[in-house]
């Protein structure tokens, strides 16, 4: 793996390790949600009122605030 790719992967791993309740995320599949609970390698997110789904941490694509920052620039 080349250096820029390693840095990007390390940043993504750190982000996933620091996920917590209340974080707004976007999954790799493009689903927006708010974290309700983090259990080991699973994340339970609320996608709509009374609608929760369970995903793997590795399926978290980005934090919504990071995407908003990129789009503002």
PDB file of N, CA and C in Angstrom:
ATOM      1  N   UNK A   1       0.848  -1.178   0.000  1.00  0.00           N
ATOM      2  CA  UNK A   1       0.000   0.000   0.000  1.00  0.00           C
ATOM      3  C   UNK A   1       0.894   1.242   0.000  1.00  0.00           C
ATOM      4  N   UNK A   2       0.516   2.244  -0.769  1.00  0.00           N
ATOM      5  CA  UNK A   2       1.311   3.462  -0.790  1.00  0.00           C
ATOM      6  C   UNK A   2       0.938   4.367   0.380  1.00  0.00           C
ATOM      7  N   UNK A   3       1.826   5.252   0.729  1.00  0.00           N
ATOM      8  CA  UNK A   3       1.707   6.077   1.940  1.00  0.00           C
ATOM      9  C   UNK A   3       0.387   6.860   2.035  1.00  0.00           C
ATOM     10  N   UNK A   4      -0.051   7.601   1.013  1.00  0.00           N
ATOM     11  CA  UNK A   4      -1.313   8.347   1.158  1.00  0.00           C
ATOM     12  C   UNK A   4      -2.507   7.426   1.445  1.00  0.00           C
ATOM     13  N   UNK A   5      -2.484   6.248   0.854  1.00  0.00           N
ATOM     14  CA  UNK A   5      -3.566   5.297   1.076  1.00  0.00           C
ATOM     15  C   UNK A   5      -3.531   4.768   2.512  1.00  0.00           C
ATOM     16  N   UNK A   6      -2.332   4.551   3.044  1.00  0.00           N
ATOM     17  CA  UNK A   6      -2.194   4.104   4.426  1.00  0.00           C
ATOM     18  C   UNK A   6      -2.710   5.155   5.398  1.00  0.00           C
ATOM     19  N   UNK A   7      -2.403   6.413   5.133  1.00  0.00           N
ATOM     20  CA  UNK A   7      -2.870   7.500   6.001  1.00  0.00           C
ATOM     21  C   UNK A   7      -4.389   7.598   5.984  1.00  0.00           C
ATOM     22  N   UNK A   8      -4.973   7.454   4.810  1.00  0.00           N
ATOM     23  CA  UNK A   8      -6.427   7.508   4.674  1.00  0.00           C
ATOM     24  C   UNK A   8      -7.087   6.355   5.427  1.00  0.00           C
ATOM     25  N   UNK A   9      -6.518   5.156   5.308  1.00  0.00           N
ATOM     26  CA  UNK A   9      -7.064   3.984   5.987  1.00  0.00           C
ATOM     27  C   UNK A   9      -6.931   4.134   7.506  1.00  0.00           C
ATOM     28  N   UNK A  10      -5.804   4.664   7.974  1.00  0.00           N
ATOM     29  CA  UNK A  10      -5.597   4.861   9.407  1.00  0.00           C
ATOM     30  C   UNK A  10      -6.606   5.869   9.962  1.00  0.00           C
ATOM     31  N   UNK A  11      -6.860   6.946   9.228  1.00  0.00           N
ATOM     32  CA  UNK A  11      -7.828   7.959   9.658  1.00  0.00           C
ATOM     33  C   UNK A  11      -9.232   7.349   9.751  1.00  0.00           C
ATOM     34  N   UNK A  12      -9.610   6.532   8.776  1.00  0.00           N
ATOM     35  CA  UNK A  12     -10.929   5.886   8.785  1.00  0.00           C
ATOM     36  C   UNK A  12     -11.056   4.925   9.959  1.00  0.00           C
ATOM     37  N   UNK A  13      -9.998   4.179  10.255  1.00  0.00           N
ATOM     38  CA  UNK A  13     -10.015   3.239  11.381  1.00  0.00           C
ATOM     39  C   UNK A  13     -10.158   3.988  12.698  1.00  0.00           C
ATOM     40  N   UNK A  14      -9.439   5.092  12.858  1.00  0.00           N
ATOM     41  CA  UNK A  14      -9.542   5.908  14.073  1.00  0.00           C
ATOM     42  C   UNK A  14     -10.950   6.464  14.240  1.00  0.00           C
ATOM     43  N   UNK A  15     -11.544   6.940  13.136  1.00  0.00           N
ATOM     44  CA  UNK A  15     -12.899   7.477  13.187  1.00  0.00           C
ATOM     45  C   UNK A  15     -13.876   6.401  13.654  1.00  0.00           C
ATOM     46  N   UNK A  16     -13.744   5.191  13.117  1.00  0.00           N
ATOM     47  CA  UNK A  16     -14.652   4.104  13.490  1.00  0.00           C
ATOM     48  C   UNK A  16     -14.445   3.676  14.943  1.00  0.00           C
ATOM     49  N   UNK A  17     -13.209   3.720  15.418  1.00  0.00           N
ATOM     50  CA  UNK A  17     -12.928   3.347  16.808  1.00  0.00           C
ATOM     51  C   UNK A  17     -13.486   4.373  17.796  1.00  0.00           C
ATOM     52  N   UNK A  18     -13.678   5.605  17.357  1.00  0.00           N
ATOM     53  CA  UNK A  18     -14.146   6.683  18.236  1.00  0.00           C
ATOM     54  C   UNK A  18     -15.629   6.998  18.081  1.00  0.00           C
ATOM     55  N   UNK A  19     -16.384   6.137  17.414  1.00  0.00           N
ATOM     56  CA  UNK A  19     -17.820   6.367  17.263  1.00  0.00           C
ATOM     57  C   UNK A  19     -18.508   6.323  18.620  1.00  0.00           C
ATOM     58  N   UNK A  20     -19.493   7.208  18.801  1.00  0.00           N
ATOM     59  CA  UNK A  20     -20.218   7.238  20.068  1.00  0.00           C
ATOM     60  C   UNK A  20     -21.675   7.601  19.827  1.00  0.00           C
ATOM     61  N   UNK A  21     -22.476   7.362  20.842  1.00  0.00           N
ATOM     62  CA  UNK A  21     -23.903   7.657  20.777  1.00  0.00           C
ATOM     63  C   UNK A  21     -24.106   9.123  20.417  1.00  0.00           C
ATOM     64  N   UNK A  22     -25.029   9.364  19.487  1.00  0.00           N
ATOM     65  CA  UNK A  22     -25.353  10.724  19.073  1.00  0.00           C
ATOM     66  C   UNK A  22     -24.639  11.191  17.819  1.00  0.00           C
ATOM     67  N   UNK A  23     -23.570  10.503  17.404  1.00  0.00           N
ATOM     68  CA  UNK A  23     -22.865  10.878  16.181  1.00  0.00           C
ATOM     69  C   UNK A  23     -23.783  10.681  14.976  1.00  0.00           C
ATOM     70  N   UNK A  24     -23.758  11.639  14.068  1.00  0.00           N
ATOM     71  CA  UNK A  24     -24.506  11.521  12.824  1.00  0.00           C
ATOM     72  C   UNK A  24     -23.546  10.973  11.779  1.00  0.00           C
ATOM     73  N   UNK A  25     -23.958   9.871  11.136  1.00  0.00           N
ATOM     74  CA  UNK A  25     -23.072   9.178  10.203  1.00  0.00           C
ATOM     75  C   UNK A  25     -23.742   8.967   8.850  1.00  0.00           C
ATOM     76  N   UNK A  26     -22.914   8.601   7.891  1.00  0.00           N
ATOM     77  CA  UNK A  26     -23.381   8.164   6.587  1.00  0.00           C
ATOM     78  C   UNK A  26     -22.697   6.826   6.335  1.00  0.00           C
ATOM     79  N   UNK A  27     -23.472   5.798   6.019  1.00  0.00           N
ATOM     80  CA  UNK A  27     -22.892   4.483   5.772  1.00  0.00           C
ATOM     81  C   UNK A  27     -22.232   4.449   4.398  1.00  0.00           C
ATOM     82  N   UNK A  28     -21.458   3.414   4.168  1.00  0.00           N
ATOM     83  CA  UNK A  28     -20.816   3.230   2.866  1.00  0.00           C
ATOM     84  C   UNK A  28     -21.859   3.099   1.757  1.00  0.00           C
ATOM     85  N   UNK A  29     -23.074   2.659   2.118  1.00  0.00           N
ATOM     86  CA  UNK A  29     -24.151   2.520   1.150  1.00  0.00           C
ATOM     87  C   UNK A  29     -24.976   3.784   0.966  1.00  0.00           C
ATOM     88  N   UNK A  30     -24.642   4.854   1.727  1.00  0.00           N
ATOM     89  CA  UNK A  30     -25.322   6.130   1.562  1.00  0.00           C
ATOM     90  C   UNK A  30     -26.506   6.358   2.486  1.00  0.00           C
ATOM     91  N   UNK A  31     -26.649   5.541   3.518  1.00  0.00           N
ATOM     92  CA  UNK A  31     -27.751   5.696   4.465  1.00  0.00           C
ATOM     93  C   UNK A  31     -27.333   6.666   5.565  1.00  0.00           C
ATOM     94  N   UNK A  32     -28.154   7.687   5.789  1.00  0.00           N
ATOM     95  CA  UNK A  32     -27.909   8.658   6.854  1.00  0.00           C
ATOM     96  C   UNK A  32     -28.562   8.162   8.134  1.00  0.00           C
ATOM     97  N   UNK A  33     -27.893   8.346   9.274  1.00  0.00           N
ATOM     98  CA  UNK A  33     -28.469   7.934  10.538  1.00  0.00           C
ATOM     99  C   UNK A  33     -27.737   8.531  11.724  1.00  0.00           C
ATOM    100  N   UNK A  34     -28.330   8.350  12.895  1.00  0.00           N
ATOM    101  CA  UNK A  34     -27.750   8.802  14.148  1.00  0.00           C
ATOM    102  C   UNK A  34     -27.476   7.575  15.011  1.00  0.00           C
ATOM    103  N   UNK A  35     -26.284   7.501  15.558  1.00  0.00           N
ATOM    104  CA  UNK A  35     -25.905   6.349  16.370  1.00  0.00           C
ATOM    105  C   UNK A  35     -26.694   6.342  17.671  1.00  0.00           C
ATOM    106  N   UNK A  36     -27.318   5.209  17.951  1.00  0.00           N
ATOM    107  CA  UNK A  36     -28.050   5.008  19.203  1.00  0.00           C
ATOM    108  C   UNK A  36     -27.240   4.180  20.190  1.00  0.00           C
ATOM    109  N   UNK A  37     -26.404   3.260  19.663  1.00  0.00           N
ATOM    110  CA  UNK A  37     -25.637   2.391  20.544  1.00  0.00           C
ATOM    111  C   UNK A  37     -24.486   1.767  19.753  1.00  0.00           C
ATOM    112  N   UNK A  38     -23.340   1.622  20.406  1.00  0.00           N
ATOM    113  CA  UNK A  38     -22.197   0.932  19.815  1.00  0.00           C
ATOM    114  C   UNK A  38     -21.934  -0.305  20.662  1.00  0.00           C
ATOM    115  N   UNK A  39     -21.991  -1.482  20.027  1.00  0.00           N
ATOM    116  CA  UNK A  39     -21.786  -2.751  20.729  1.00  0.00           C
ATOM    117  C   UNK A  39     -20.720  -3.536  19.980  1.00  0.00           C
ATOM    118  N   UNK A  40     -19.514  -3.609  20.574  1.00  0.00           N
ATOM    119  CA  UNK A  40     -18.385  -4.313  19.974  1.00  0.00           C
ATOM    120  C   UNK A  40     -18.162  -3.831  18.538  1.00  0.00           C
ATOM    121  N   UNK A  41     -18.365  -4.678  17.558  1.00  0.00           N
ATOM    122  CA  UNK A  41     -18.141  -4.315  16.155  1.00  0.00           C
ATOM    123  C   UNK A  41     -19.434  -3.920  15.441  1.00  0.00           C
ATOM    124  N   UNK A  42     -20.526  -3.793  16.187  1.00  0.00           N
ATOM    125  CA  UNK A  42     -21.817  -3.414  15.599  1.00  0.00           C
ATOM    126  C   UNK A  42     -22.208  -2.015  16.044  1.00  0.00           C
ATOM    127  N   UNK A  43     -22.970  -1.345  15.190  1.00  0.00           N
ATOM    128  CA  UNK A  43     -23.482  -0.021  15.494  1.00  0.00           C
ATOM    129  C   UNK A  43     -24.981  -0.035  15.211  1.00  0.00           C
ATOM    130  N   UNK A  44     -25.772   0.411  16.173  1.00  0.00           N
ATOM    131  CA  UNK A  44     -27.216   0.530  15.978  1.00  0.00           C
ATOM    132  C   UNK A  44     -27.498   1.990  15.671  1.00  0.00           C
ATOM    133  N   UNK A  45     -28.102   2.230  14.491  1.00  0.00           N
ATOM    134  CA  UNK A  45     -28.395   3.607  14.098  1.00  0.00           C
ATOM    135  C   UNK A  45     -29.889   3.793  13.885  1.00  0.00           C
ATOM    136  N   UNK A  46     -30.335   5.019  14.144  1.00  0.00           N
ATOM    137  CA  UNK A  46     -31.724   5.389  13.884  1.00  0.00           C
ATOM    138  C   UNK A  46     -31.732   6.141  12.568  1.00  0.00           C
ATOM    139  N   UNK A  47     -32.527   5.637  11.625  1.00  0.00           N
ATOM    140  CA  UNK A  47     -32.591   6.242  10.299  1.00  0.00           C
ATOM    141  C   UNK A  47     -33.838   7.104  10.124  1.00  0.00           C
ATOM    142  N   UNK A  48     -34.853   6.846  10.935  1.00  0.00           N
ATOM    143  CA  UNK A  48     -36.106   7.604  10.917  1.00  0.00           C
ATOM    144  C   UNK A  48     -36.772   7.354  12.274  1.00  0.00           C
ATOM    145  N   UNK A  49     -37.780   8.150  12.621  1.00  0.00           N
ATOM    146  CA  UNK A  49     -38.464   7.879  13.892  1.00  0.00           C
ATOM    147  C   UNK A  49     -38.959   6.429  13.945  1.00  0.00           C
ATOM    148  N   UNK A  50     -38.678   5.760  15.044  1.00  0.00           N
ATOM    149  CA  UNK A  50     -39.080   4.367  15.264  1.00  0.00           C
ATOM    150  C   UNK A  50     -38.468   3.384  14.279  1.00  0.00           C
ATOM    151  N   UNK A  51     -37.348   3.739  13.648  1.00  0.00           N
ATOM    152  CA  UNK A  51     -36.682   2.849  12.706  1.00  0.00           C
ATOM    153  C   UNK A  51     -35.203   2.780  13.045  1.00  0.00           C
ATOM    154  N   UNK A  52     -34.759   1.599  13.479  1.00  0.00           N
ATOM    155  CA  UNK A  52     -33.354   1.392  13.798  1.00  0.00           C
ATOM    156  C   UNK A  52     -32.819   0.228  12.988  1.00  0.00           C
ATOM    157  N   UNK A  53     -31.560   0.343  12.588  1.00  0.00           N
ATOM    158  CA  UNK A  53     -30.907  -0.753  11.890  1.00  0.00           C
ATOM    159  C   UNK A  53     -29.555  -1.010  12.549  1.00  0.00           C
ATOM    160  N   UNK A  54     -29.076  -2.230  12.439  1.00  0.00           N
ATOM    161  CA  UNK A  54     -27.782  -2.617  12.979  1.00  0.00           C
ATOM    162  C   UNK A  54     -26.826  -2.833  11.819  1.00  0.00           C
ATOM    163  N   UNK A  55     -25.670  -2.203  11.902  1.00  0.00           N
ATOM    164  CA  UNK A  55     -24.653  -2.346  10.859  1.00  0.00           C
ATOM    165  C   UNK A  55     -23.315  -2.661  11.515  1.00  0.00           C
ATOM    166  N   UNK A  56     -22.370  -3.094  10.730  1.00  0.00           N
ATOM    167  CA  UNK A  56     -21.007  -3.291  11.213  1.00  0.00           C
ATOM    168  C   UNK A  56     -20.284  -1.947  11.227  1.00  0.00           C
ATOM    169  N   UNK A  57     -19.348  -1.794  12.150  1.00  0.00           N
ATOM    170  CA  UNK A  57     -18.558  -0.559  12.204  1.00  0.00           C
ATOM    171  C   UNK A  57     -17.867  -0.291  10.873  1.00  0.00           C
ATOM    172  N   UNK A  58     -17.433  -1.358  10.204  1.00  0.00           N
ATOM    173  CA  UNK A  58     -16.726  -1.186   8.935  1.00  0.00           C
ATOM    174  C   UNK A  58     -17.622  -0.636   7.831  1.00  0.00           C
ATOM    175  N   UNK A  59     -18.947  -0.644   8.054  1.00  0.00           N
ATOM    176  CA  UNK A  59     -19.877  -0.100   7.072  1.00  0.00           C
ATOM    177  C   UNK A  59     -20.083   1.397   7.221  1.00  0.00           C
ATOM    178  N   UNK A  60     -19.536   1.977   8.284  1.00  0.00           N
ATOM    179  CA  UNK A  60     -19.650   3.426   8.472  1.00  0.00           C
ATOM    180  C   UNK A  60     -18.690   4.090   7.496  1.00  0.00           C
ATOM    181  N   UNK A  61     -19.240   4.925   6.625  1.00  0.00           N
ATOM    182  CA  UNK A  61     -18.426   5.586   5.616  1.00  0.00           C
ATOM    183  C   UNK A  61     -17.761   6.839   6.131  1.00  0.00           C
ATOM    184  N   UNK A  62     -18.544   7.724   6.762  1.00  0.00           N
ATOM    185  CA  UNK A  62     -18.013   8.987   7.259  1.00  0.00           C
ATOM    186  C   UNK A  62     -18.963   9.591   8.277  1.00  0.00           C
ATOM    187  N   UNK A  63     -18.449  10.535   9.027  1.00  0.00           N
ATOM    188  CA  UNK A  63     -19.310  11.327   9.898  1.00  0.00           C
ATOM    189  C   UNK A  63     -19.956  12.400   9.032  1.00  0.00           C
ATOM    190  N   UNK A  64     -21.192  12.714   9.293  1.00  0.00           N
ATOM    191  CA  UNK A  64     -21.911  13.680   8.480  1.00  0.00           C
ATOM    192  C   UNK A  64     -21.248  15.051   8.544  1.00  0.00           C
ATOM    193  N   UNK A  65     -20.718  15.435   9.700  1.00  0.00           N
ATOM    194  CA  UNK A  65     -20.081  16.746   9.828  1.00  0.00           C
ATOM    195  C   UNK A  65     -18.829  16.854   8.967  1.00  0.00           C
ATOM    196  N   UNK A  66     -18.107  15.741   8.787  1.00  0.00           N
ATOM    197  CA  UNK A  66     -16.925  15.757   7.917  1.00  0.00           C
ATOM    198  C   UNK A  66     -17.330  15.976   6.467  1.00  0.00           C
ATOM    199  N   UNK A  67     -18.413  15.343   6.052  1.00  0.00           N
ATOM    200  CA  UNK A  67     -18.896  15.520   4.693  1.00  0.00           C
ATOM    201  C   UNK A  67     -19.377  16.956   4.487  1.00  0.00           C
ATOM    202  N   UNK A  68     -20.076  17.509   5.472  1.00  0.00           N
ATOM    203  CA  UNK A  68     -20.552  18.889   5.375  1.00  0.00           C
ATOM    204  C   UNK A  68     -19.383  19.859   5.224  1.00  0.00           C
ATOM    205  N   UNK A  69     -18.271  19.614   5.950  1.00  0.00           N
ATOM    206  CA  UNK A  69     -17.087  20.474   5.839  1.00  0.00           C
ATOM    207  C   UNK A  69     -16.504  20.411   4.432  1.00  0.00           C
ATOM    208  N   UNK A  70     -16.431  19.188   3.866  1.00  0.00           N
ATOM    209  CA  UNK A  70     -15.901  19.030   2.517  1.00  0.00           C
ATOM    210  C   UNK A  70     -16.756  19.755   1.495  1.00  0.00           C
ATOM    211  N   UNK A  71     -18.080  19.693   1.672  1.00  0.00           N
ATOM    212  CA  UNK A  71     -18.984  20.313   0.710  1.00  0.00           C
ATOM    213  C   UNK A  71     -18.986  21.837   0.814  1.00  0.00           C
ATOM    214  N   UNK A  72     -18.668  22.376   2.007  1.00  0.00           N
ATOM    215  CA  UNK A  72     -18.630  23.824   2.190  1.00  0.00           C
ATOM    216  C   UNK A  72     -17.417  24.454   1.519  1.00  0.00           C
ATOM    217  N   UNK A  73     -16.351  23.669   1.352  1.00  0.00           N
ATOM    218  CA  UNK A  73     -15.120  24.223   0.765  1.00  0.00           C
ATOM    219  C   UNK A  73     -15.194  24.269  -0.706  1.00  0.00           C
TER     220      UNK A  73
END
